[in-house]
């Protein structure tokens, strides 16, 4: 899970071992971000949710012949539109 630091963008790192070539080909064929819902459970109690559900986007992927790893971006904050608000006396009277 991502750390609780207030600085930076929260990301979650993951890795899958012992993958086949078919899985790597599927990852290669995707050109847009993959969305996922992540739920954290323990193997000893799989019916009890420890954290989540967390909406995430698969952003960075690296792979070799045996593993695939990458990062899930939890908040697409850099893609949010900004600049549509104006600071005028009517909208922000405390500034004027």
C-alpha atoms as a PDB file:
ATOM      1  CA  UNK A   1       0.000   0.000   0.000  1.00  0.00           C
ATOM      2  CA  UNK A   2       1.174   3.587  -0.480  1.00  0.00           C
ATOM      3  CA  UNK A   3       2.778   5.437   2.415  1.00  0.00           C
ATOM      4  CA  UNK A   4       0.977   8.123   4.392  1.00  0.00           C
ATOM      5  CA  UNK A   5       3.316  10.937   3.347  1.00  0.00           C
ATOM      6  CA  UNK A   6       1.502  14.064   2.285  1.00  0.00           C
ATOM      7  CA  UNK A   7       4.133  14.909  -0.338  1.00  0.00           C
ATOM      8  CA  UNK A   8       4.116  13.314  -3.744  1.00  0.00           C
ATOM      9  CA  UNK A   9       1.566  11.229  -5.594  1.00  0.00           C
ATOM     10  CA  UNK A  10       0.399   8.023  -3.878  1.00  0.00           C
ATOM     11  CA  UNK A  11       1.373   4.929  -5.839  1.00  0.00           C
ATOM     12  CA  UNK A  12       1.162   1.213  -5.167  1.00  0.00           C
ATOM     13  CA  UNK A  13       3.876  -1.100  -6.490  1.00  0.00           C
ATOM     14  CA  UNK A  14       3.121  -4.676  -7.553  1.00  0.00           C
ATOM     15  CA  UNK A  15       4.905  -7.673  -9.054  1.00  0.00           C
ATOM     16  CA  UNK A  16       3.757 -10.967 -10.583  1.00  0.00           C
ATOM     17  CA  UNK A  17       6.228 -13.852 -10.769  1.00  0.00           C
ATOM     18  CA  UNK A  18       6.314 -16.894 -13.078  1.00  0.00           C
ATOM     19  CA  UNK A  19       4.315 -15.306 -15.895  1.00  0.00           C
ATOM     20  CA  UNK A  20       3.775 -16.765 -19.326  1.00  0.00           C
ATOM     21  CA  UNK A  21       4.431 -15.128 -22.667  1.00  0.00           C
ATOM     22  CA  UNK A  22       0.689 -14.825 -23.251  1.00  0.00           C
ATOM     23  CA  UNK A  23       0.309 -12.472 -20.273  1.00  0.00           C
ATOM     24  CA  UNK A  24       3.219 -10.327 -21.480  1.00  0.00           C
ATOM     25  CA  UNK A  25       1.654 -10.096 -24.947  1.00  0.00           C
ATOM     26  CA  UNK A  26      -1.633  -8.914 -23.428  1.00  0.00           C
ATOM     27  CA  UNK A  27       0.164  -6.191 -21.448  1.00  0.00           C
ATOM     28  CA  UNK A  28       2.010  -5.100 -24.612  1.00  0.00           C
ATOM     29  CA  UNK A  29      -1.225  -4.793 -26.607  1.00  0.00           C
ATOM     30  CA  UNK A  30      -2.808  -2.246 -24.249  1.00  0.00           C
ATOM     31  CA  UNK A  31      -2.196   1.388 -25.149  1.00  0.00           C
ATOM     32  CA  UNK A  32      -4.427   3.131 -22.593  1.00  0.00           C
ATOM     33  CA  UNK A  33      -4.212   3.087 -18.784  1.00  0.00           C
ATOM     34  CA  UNK A  34      -5.761  -0.015 -17.223  1.00  0.00           C
ATOM     35  CA  UNK A  35      -8.212   0.674 -14.412  1.00  0.00           C
ATOM     36  CA  UNK A  36      -8.518  -1.663 -11.460  1.00  0.00           C
ATOM     37  CA  UNK A  37     -10.197  -1.967  -8.100  1.00  0.00           C
ATOM     38  CA  UNK A  38      -7.740  -3.167  -5.456  1.00  0.00           C
ATOM     39  CA  UNK A  39      -8.931  -4.907  -2.291  1.00  0.00           C
ATOM     40  CA  UNK A  40      -6.440  -5.984   0.366  1.00  0.00           C
ATOM     41  CA  UNK A  41      -7.109  -9.281   2.208  1.00  0.00           C
ATOM     42  CA  UNK A  42      -4.995 -11.691   4.227  1.00  0.00           C
ATOM     43  CA  UNK A  43      -4.485 -15.303   3.148  1.00  0.00           C
ATOM     44  CA  UNK A  44      -5.459 -16.431   6.640  1.00  0.00           C
ATOM     45  CA  UNK A  45      -8.833 -14.633   6.447  1.00  0.00           C
ATOM     46  CA  UNK A  46      -9.755 -14.003   2.802  1.00  0.00           C
ATOM     47  CA  UNK A  47     -13.350 -13.034   3.632  1.00  0.00           C
ATOM     48  CA  UNK A  48     -12.270 -10.045   5.747  1.00  0.00           C
ATOM     49  CA  UNK A  49     -11.288  -6.929   3.791  1.00  0.00           C
ATOM     50  CA  UNK A  50      -8.282  -5.197   5.371  1.00  0.00           C
ATOM     51  CA  UNK A  51      -8.217  -2.183   3.027  1.00  0.00           C
ATOM     52  CA  UNK A  52     -10.172  -1.064   0.020  1.00  0.00           C
ATOM     53  CA  UNK A  53     -11.768  -1.092  -2.375  1.00  0.00           C
ATOM     54  CA  UNK A  54      -9.277   1.344  -3.906  1.00  0.00           C
ATOM     55  CA  UNK A  55      -9.719   2.681  -7.456  1.00  0.00           C
ATOM     56  CA  UNK A  56      -6.383   2.649  -9.268  1.00  0.00           C
ATOM     57  CA  UNK A  57      -4.844   3.024 -12.732  1.00  0.00           C
ATOM     58  CA  UNK A  58      -2.008   0.857 -13.971  1.00  0.00           C
ATOM     59  CA  UNK A  59       0.616   3.310 -15.219  1.00  0.00           C
ATOM     60  CA  UNK A  60       4.134   1.938 -15.456  1.00  0.00           C
ATOM     61  CA  UNK A  61       4.870  -1.653 -16.447  1.00  0.00           C
ATOM     62  CA  UNK A  62       8.214  -3.414 -16.781  1.00  0.00           C
ATOM     63  CA  UNK A  63       8.735  -7.067 -17.589  1.00  0.00           C
ATOM     64  CA  UNK A  64      11.286  -9.731 -18.348  1.00  0.00           C
ATOM     65  CA  UNK A  65      10.952 -13.436 -19.132  1.00  0.00           C
ATOM     66  CA  UNK A  66       9.741 -14.349 -15.615  1.00  0.00           C
ATOM     67  CA  UNK A  67       8.211 -11.296 -13.925  1.00  0.00           C
ATOM     68  CA  UNK A  68       5.935  -8.355 -14.619  1.00  0.00           C
ATOM     69  CA  UNK A  69       5.969  -5.375 -12.272  1.00  0.00           C
ATOM     70  CA  UNK A  70       4.617  -1.879 -12.238  1.00  0.00           C
ATOM     71  CA  UNK A  71       2.842   0.859 -10.348  1.00  0.00           C
ATOM     72  CA  UNK A  72      -0.787   1.694  -9.735  1.00  0.00           C
ATOM     73  CA  UNK A  73      -1.549   5.396  -9.533  1.00  0.00           C
ATOM     74  CA  UNK A  74      -4.202   5.920  -6.881  1.00  0.00           C
ATOM     75  CA  UNK A  75      -5.093   9.513  -7.668  1.00  0.00           C
ATOM     76  CA  UNK A  76      -4.808  10.838 -11.199  1.00  0.00           C
ATOM     77  CA  UNK A  77      -4.257  14.308  -9.775  1.00  0.00           C
ATOM     78  CA  UNK A  78      -1.921  15.427 -12.548  1.00  0.00           C
ATOM     79  CA  UNK A  79      -4.643  14.869 -15.141  1.00  0.00           C
ATOM     80  CA  UNK A  80      -7.301  16.943 -13.358  1.00  0.00           C
ATOM     81  CA  UNK A  81      -8.241  20.094 -15.262  1.00  0.00           C
ATOM     82  CA  UNK A  82      -7.319  23.371 -13.604  1.00  0.00           C
ATOM     83  CA  UNK A  83      -7.624  26.969 -14.585  1.00  0.00           C
ATOM     84  CA  UNK A  84     -11.346  27.059 -15.120  1.00  0.00           C
ATOM     85  CA  UNK A  85     -11.974  29.090 -11.948  1.00  0.00           C
ATOM     86  CA  UNK A  86     -11.414  32.831 -11.834  1.00  0.00           C
ATOM     87  CA  UNK A  87     -10.548  34.815  -8.740  1.00  0.00           C
ATOM     88  CA  UNK A  88     -12.792  37.852  -8.939  1.00  0.00           C
ATOM     89  CA  UNK A  89     -14.347  40.006  -6.214  1.00  0.00           C
ATOM     90  CA  UNK A  90     -17.603  38.095  -6.733  1.00  0.00           C
ATOM     91  CA  UNK A  91     -16.109  34.590  -6.314  1.00  0.00           C
ATOM     92  CA  UNK A  92     -13.352  35.325  -3.765  1.00  0.00           C
ATOM     93  CA  UNK A  93     -14.249  38.503  -1.871  1.00  0.00           C
ATOM     94  CA  UNK A  94     -11.618  37.836   0.818  1.00  0.00           C
ATOM     95  CA  UNK A  95      -8.801  38.449  -1.651  1.00  0.00           C
ATOM     96  CA  UNK A  96      -9.952  41.922  -2.652  1.00  0.00           C
END
